[in-house]
Amino acid sequence: MQPPDETHQRPPQASDRTVEAVGKLGEAREWIERARGRLYDVHQLVGRADFLFEDAADLLEESGNGELARFVRSDVIGCNVLPGRWTFQIVEEFDDGYYRTVTEAERRIREELLDGKRHVYEAELKERRRTKGQRGHEARPDEDAGTP
């Protein structure tokens, strides 16, 4: 049986609380990754809706509702989502500001305290929770549990 690979083993100087703290920072960053994904979802959803509004305006025009079609074209299509911003600008501001700050802070702390190693807390958790020798509970992909 092999221990977790070296890239996930805690450095000798790292205490339990340090590993836990860096693990918590990593978890927080993962939540920000999820939030960032939602922003990209909004970006794509609003963009798609804008083209659908255009299709609706065309259909309104074809059905004899020219005034309503012009209203959709002038007031809805291309409208800013936030003052002065389309969604691509919101995503860029998020990426260049908060997201960059969070990811750089998490990386810096991980570099300083855990020699840059990622998921040390999770690797140790895996070791505590897995059933050693049981198939499907191997420490590493190249370990053969030997259990059918």
C-alpha atoms as a PDB file:
ATOM      1  CA  MET A   1       0.000   0.000   0.000  1.00  0.00           C
ATOM      2  CA  GLN A   2       1.309   3.445  -0.943  1.00  0.00           C
ATOM      3  CA  PRO A   3       0.778   6.743   0.879  1.00  0.00           C
ATOM      4  CA  PRO A   4      -0.711   9.680  -1.015  1.00  0.00           C
ATOM      5  CA  ASP A   5       1.608  10.896  -3.751  1.00  0.00           C
ATOM      6  CA  GLU A   6       4.254  13.419  -2.731  1.00  0.00           C
ATOM      7  CA  THR A   7       2.434  16.345  -4.376  1.00  0.00           C
ATOM      8  CA  HIS A   8      -0.287  16.026  -1.731  1.00  0.00           C
ATOM      9  CA  GLN A   9       1.797  15.315   1.375  1.00  0.00           C
ATOM     10  CA  ARG A  10       2.114  18.059   3.957  1.00  0.00           C
ATOM     11  CA  PRO A  11       5.504  19.707   4.338  1.00  0.00           C
ATOM     12  CA  PRO A  12       7.215  18.917   7.672  1.00  0.00           C
ATOM     13  CA  GLN A  13       6.754  22.476   8.999  1.00  0.00           C
ATOM     14  CA  ALA A  14       2.963  22.532   8.441  1.00  0.00           C
ATOM     15  CA  SER A  15       0.809  22.091  11.536  1.00  0.00           C
ATOM     16  CA  ASP A  16      -2.677  20.588  11.571  1.00  0.00           C
ATOM     17  CA  ARG A  17      -4.190  24.067  11.927  1.00  0.00           C
ATOM     18  CA  THR A  18      -2.121  25.377   9.015  1.00  0.00           C
ATOM     19  CA  VAL A  19      -3.260  22.538   6.756  1.00  0.00           C
ATOM     20  CA  GLU A  20      -6.843  23.127   7.869  1.00  0.00           C
ATOM     21  CA  ALA A  21      -6.598  26.886   7.273  1.00  0.00           C
ATOM     22  CA  VAL A  22      -5.140  26.477   3.786  1.00  0.00           C
ATOM     23  CA  GLY A  23      -7.775  23.842   3.062  1.00  0.00           C
ATOM     24  CA  LYS A  24     -10.476  26.334   4.085  1.00  0.00           C
ATOM     25  CA  LEU A  25      -8.945  28.946   1.770  1.00  0.00           C
ATOM     26  CA  GLY A  26      -9.022  26.423  -1.062  1.00  0.00           C
ATOM     27  CA  GLU A  27     -12.652  25.632  -0.360  1.00  0.00           C
ATOM     28  CA  ALA A  28     -13.521  29.337  -0.375  1.00  0.00           C
ATOM     29  CA  ARG A  29     -11.732  29.734  -3.719  1.00  0.00           C
ATOM     30  CA  GLU A  30     -13.728  26.791  -5.092  1.00  0.00           C
ATOM     31  CA  TRP A  31     -16.956  28.598  -4.147  1.00  0.00           C
ATOM     32  CA  ILE A  32     -15.670  31.653  -6.026  1.00  0.00           C
ATOM     33  CA  GLU A  33     -14.994  29.410  -9.042  1.00  0.00           C
ATOM     34  CA  ARG A  34     -18.632  28.337  -8.898  1.00  0.00           C
ATOM     35  CA  ALA A  35     -19.785  31.957  -8.653  1.00  0.00           C
ATOM     36  CA  ARG A  36     -17.583  32.835 -11.631  1.00  0.00           C
ATOM     37  CA  GLY A  37     -19.211  30.043 -13.605  1.00  0.00           C
ATOM     38  CA  ARG A  38     -22.618  31.489 -12.786  1.00  0.00           C
ATOM     39  CA  LEU A  39     -21.470  34.874 -14.104  1.00  0.00           C
ATOM     40  CA  TYR A  40     -20.466  33.228 -17.367  1.00  0.00           C
ATOM     41  CA  ASP A  41     -23.879  31.494 -17.394  1.00  0.00           C
ATOM     42  CA  VAL A  42     -25.567  34.889 -17.030  1.00  0.00           C
ATOM     43  CA  HIS A  43     -23.341  36.299 -19.773  1.00  0.00           C
ATOM     44  CA  GLN A  44     -24.366  33.567 -22.208  1.00  0.00           C
ATOM     45  CA  LEU A  45     -28.028  33.458 -21.164  1.00  0.00           C
ATOM     46  CA  VAL A  46     -28.504  37.214 -21.550  1.00  0.00           C
ATOM     47  CA  GLY A  47     -26.664  37.188 -24.873  1.00  0.00           C
ATOM     48  CA  ARG A  48     -28.885  34.406 -26.198  1.00  0.00           C
ATOM     49  CA  ALA A  49     -31.995  36.199 -24.952  1.00  0.00           C
ATOM     50  CA  ASP A  50     -30.947  39.372 -26.783  1.00  0.00           C
ATOM     51  CA  PHE A  51     -30.947  37.467 -30.095  1.00  0.00           C
ATOM     52  CA  LEU A  52     -34.312  35.903 -29.233  1.00  0.00           C
ATOM     53  CA  PHE A  53     -35.730  39.382 -28.604  1.00  0.00           C
ATOM     54  CA  GLU A  54     -34.555  40.249 -32.101  1.00  0.00           C
ATOM     55  CA  ASP A  55     -36.353  37.185 -33.504  1.00  0.00           C
ATOM     56  CA  ALA A  56     -39.473  38.227 -31.609  1.00  0.00           C
ATOM     57  CA  ALA A  57     -39.240  41.756 -33.018  1.00  0.00           C
ATOM     58  CA  ASP A  58     -38.995  40.327 -36.543  1.00  0.00           C
ATOM     59  CA  LEU A  59     -42.093  38.205 -35.918  1.00  0.00           C
ATOM     60  CA  LEU A  60     -43.951  41.170 -34.459  1.00  0.00           C
ATOM     61  CA  GLU A  61     -43.074  43.152 -37.589  1.00  0.00           C
ATOM     62  CA  GLU A  62     -44.233  40.323 -39.869  1.00  0.00           C
ATOM     63  CA  SER A  63     -47.497  39.989 -37.976  1.00  0.00           C
ATOM     64  CA  GLY A  64     -48.391  43.626 -38.469  1.00  0.00           C
ATOM     65  CA  ASN A  65     -47.251  44.912 -35.076  1.00  0.00           C
ATOM     66  CA  GLY A  66     -44.569  47.287 -36.325  1.00  0.00           C
ATOM     67  CA  GLU A  67     -44.857  49.733 -33.457  1.00  0.00           C
ATOM     68  CA  LEU A  68     -44.268  47.000 -30.863  1.00  0.00           C
ATOM     69  CA  ALA A  69     -41.411  45.581 -32.964  1.00  0.00           C
ATOM     70  CA  ARG A  70     -39.770  49.023 -33.016  1.00  0.00           C
ATOM     71  CA  PHE A  71     -40.269  49.299 -29.261  1.00  0.00           C
ATOM     72  CA  VAL A  72     -38.468  45.963 -28.675  1.00  0.00           C
ATOM     73  CA  ARG A  73     -35.669  46.986 -31.049  1.00  0.00           C
ATOM     74  CA  SER A  74     -35.155  50.404 -29.464  1.00  0.00           C
ATOM     75  CA  ASP A  75     -35.734  49.659 -25.773  1.00  0.00           C
ATOM     76  CA  VAL A  76     -34.843  46.008 -25.227  1.00  0.00           C
ATOM     77  CA  ILE A  77     -32.320  44.770 -27.804  1.00  0.00           C
ATOM     78  CA  GLY A  78     -28.813  45.855 -26.869  1.00  0.00           C
ATOM     79  CA  CYS A  79     -29.901  47.342 -23.543  1.00  0.00           C
ATOM     80  CA  ASN A  80     -27.259  47.539 -20.813  1.00  0.00           C
ATOM     81  CA  VAL A  81     -27.685  44.953 -18.071  1.00  0.00           C
ATOM     82  CA  LEU A  82     -26.134  47.321 -15.521  1.00  0.00           C
ATOM     83  CA  PRO A  83     -25.479  51.039 -16.069  1.00  0.00           C
ATOM     84  CA  GLY A  84     -23.036  51.294 -18.967  1.00  0.00           C
ATOM     85  CA  ARG A  85     -22.322  47.558 -18.978  1.00  0.00           C
ATOM     86  CA  TRP A  86     -23.129  44.511 -20.989  1.00  0.00           C
ATOM     87  CA  THR A  87     -22.469  41.158 -19.364  1.00  0.00           C
ATOM     88  CA  PHE A  88     -19.025  40.746 -20.971  1.00  0.00           C
ATOM     89  CA  GLN A  89     -17.917  43.873 -19.127  1.00  0.00           C
ATOM     90  CA  ILE A  90     -19.249  42.530 -15.825  1.00  0.00           C
ATOM     91  CA  VAL A  91     -17.360  39.255 -16.340  1.00  0.00           C
ATOM     92  CA  GLU A  92     -14.152  41.098 -17.228  1.00  0.00           C
ATOM     93  CA  GLU A  93     -14.397  43.384 -14.193  1.00  0.00           C
ATOM     94  CA  PHE A  94     -15.016  40.399 -11.923  1.00  0.00           C
ATOM     95  CA  ASP A  95     -12.089  38.460 -13.433  1.00  0.00           C
ATOM     96  CA  ASP A  96      -9.675  41.394 -13.287  1.00  0.00           C
ATOM     97  CA  GLY A  97     -10.699  42.482  -9.789  1.00  0.00           C
ATOM     98  CA  TYR A  98     -12.160  40.212  -7.155  1.00  0.00           C
ATOM     99  CA  TYR A  99     -11.401  36.898  -8.870  1.00  0.00           C
ATOM    100  CA  ARG A 100      -7.736  37.772  -9.452  1.00  0.00           C
ATOM    101  CA  THR A 101      -7.395  38.998  -5.849  1.00  0.00           C
ATOM    102  CA  VAL A 102      -8.889  35.807  -4.407  1.00  0.00           C
ATOM    103  CA  THR A 103      -6.945  33.382  -6.593  1.00  0.00           C
ATOM    104  CA  GLU A 104      -3.632  35.190  -6.053  1.00  0.00           C
ATOM    105  CA  ALA A 105      -4.177  35.320  -2.274  1.00  0.00           C
ATOM    106  CA  GLU A 106      -4.996  31.615  -2.071  1.00  0.00           C
ATOM    107  CA  ARG A 107      -1.979  30.729  -4.237  1.00  0.00           C
ATOM    108  CA  ARG A 108       0.383  32.960  -2.227  1.00  0.00           C
ATOM    109  CA  ILE A 109      -0.669  31.495   1.109  1.00  0.00           C
ATOM    110  CA  ARG A 110      -0.486  27.937  -0.244  1.00  0.00           C
ATOM    111  CA  GLU A 111       3.015  28.660  -1.641  1.00  0.00           C
ATOM    112  CA  GLU A 112       4.249  30.114   1.643  1.00  0.00           C
ATOM    113  CA  LEU A 113       2.727  27.561   4.004  1.00  0.00           C
ATOM    114  CA  LEU A 114       2.453  24.291   2.045  1.00  0.00           C
ATOM    115  CA  ASP A 115       5.225  24.632  -0.529  1.00  0.00           C
ATOM    116  CA  GLY A 116       2.545  25.261  -3.161  1.00  0.00           C
ATOM    117  CA  LYS A 117       0.924  21.865  -2.671  1.00  0.00           C
ATOM    118  CA  ARG A 118      -2.765  21.741  -3.464  1.00  0.00           C
ATOM    119  CA  HIS A 119      -5.458  19.735  -1.677  1.00  0.00           C
ATOM    120  CA  VAL A 120      -3.249  18.615   1.218  1.00  0.00           C
ATOM    121  CA  TYR A 121      -6.208  18.783   3.614  1.00  0.00           C
ATOM    122  CA  GLU A 122      -8.338  16.682   1.263  1.00  0.00           C
ATOM    123  CA  ALA A 123      -5.545  14.134   0.730  1.00  0.00           C
ATOM    124  CA  GLU A 124      -5.258  13.668   4.481  1.00  0.00           C
ATOM    125  CA  LEU A 125      -9.024  13.425   4.792  1.00  0.00           C
ATOM    126  CA  LYS A 126      -9.023  10.738   2.110  1.00  0.00           C
ATOM    127  CA  GLU A 127      -6.401   8.769   4.065  1.00  0.00           C
ATOM    128  CA  ARG A 128      -8.542   8.922   7.212  1.00  0.00           C
ATOM    129  CA  ARG A 129     -11.771   7.931   5.456  1.00  0.00           C
ATOM    130  CA  ARG A 130     -10.757   5.243   2.974  1.00  0.00           C
ATOM    131  CA  THR A 131     -10.753   1.519   3.766  1.00  0.00           C
ATOM    132  CA  LYS A 132      -7.196   0.387   3.172  1.00  0.00           C
ATOM    133  CA  GLY A 133      -6.950  -2.697   0.970  1.00  0.00           C
ATOM    134  CA  GLN A 134     -10.514  -2.320  -0.325  1.00  0.00           C
ATOM    135  CA  ARG A 135     -11.006  -2.014  -4.087  1.00  0.00           C
ATOM    136  CA  GLY A 136     -12.177   1.488  -4.911  1.00  0.00           C
ATOM    137  CA  HIS A 137     -10.405   2.884  -1.860  1.00  0.00           C
ATOM    138  CA  GLU A 138      -6.858   2.970  -3.254  1.00  0.00           C
ATOM    139  CA  ALA A 139      -4.614   5.827  -2.141  1.00  0.00           C
ATOM    140  CA  ARG A 140      -3.389   6.412  -5.707  1.00  0.00           C
ATOM    141  CA  PRO A 141      -4.502   5.499  -9.216  1.00  0.00           C
ATOM    142  CA  ASP A 142      -1.581   3.091  -9.696  1.00  0.00           C
ATOM    143  CA  GLU A 143      -2.249   1.089  -6.497  1.00  0.00           C
ATOM    144  CA  ASP A 144      -3.863  -2.338  -6.816  1.00  0.00           C
ATOM    145  CA  ALA A 145      -6.085  -3.040  -3.818  1.00  0.00           C
ATOM    146  CA  GLY A 146      -5.973  -6.758  -4.541  1.00  0.00           C
ATOM    147  CA  THR A 147      -9.634  -7.210  -3.595  1.00  0.00           C
ATOM    148  CA  PRO A 148     -11.928  -8.599  -6.304  1.00  0.00           C
END
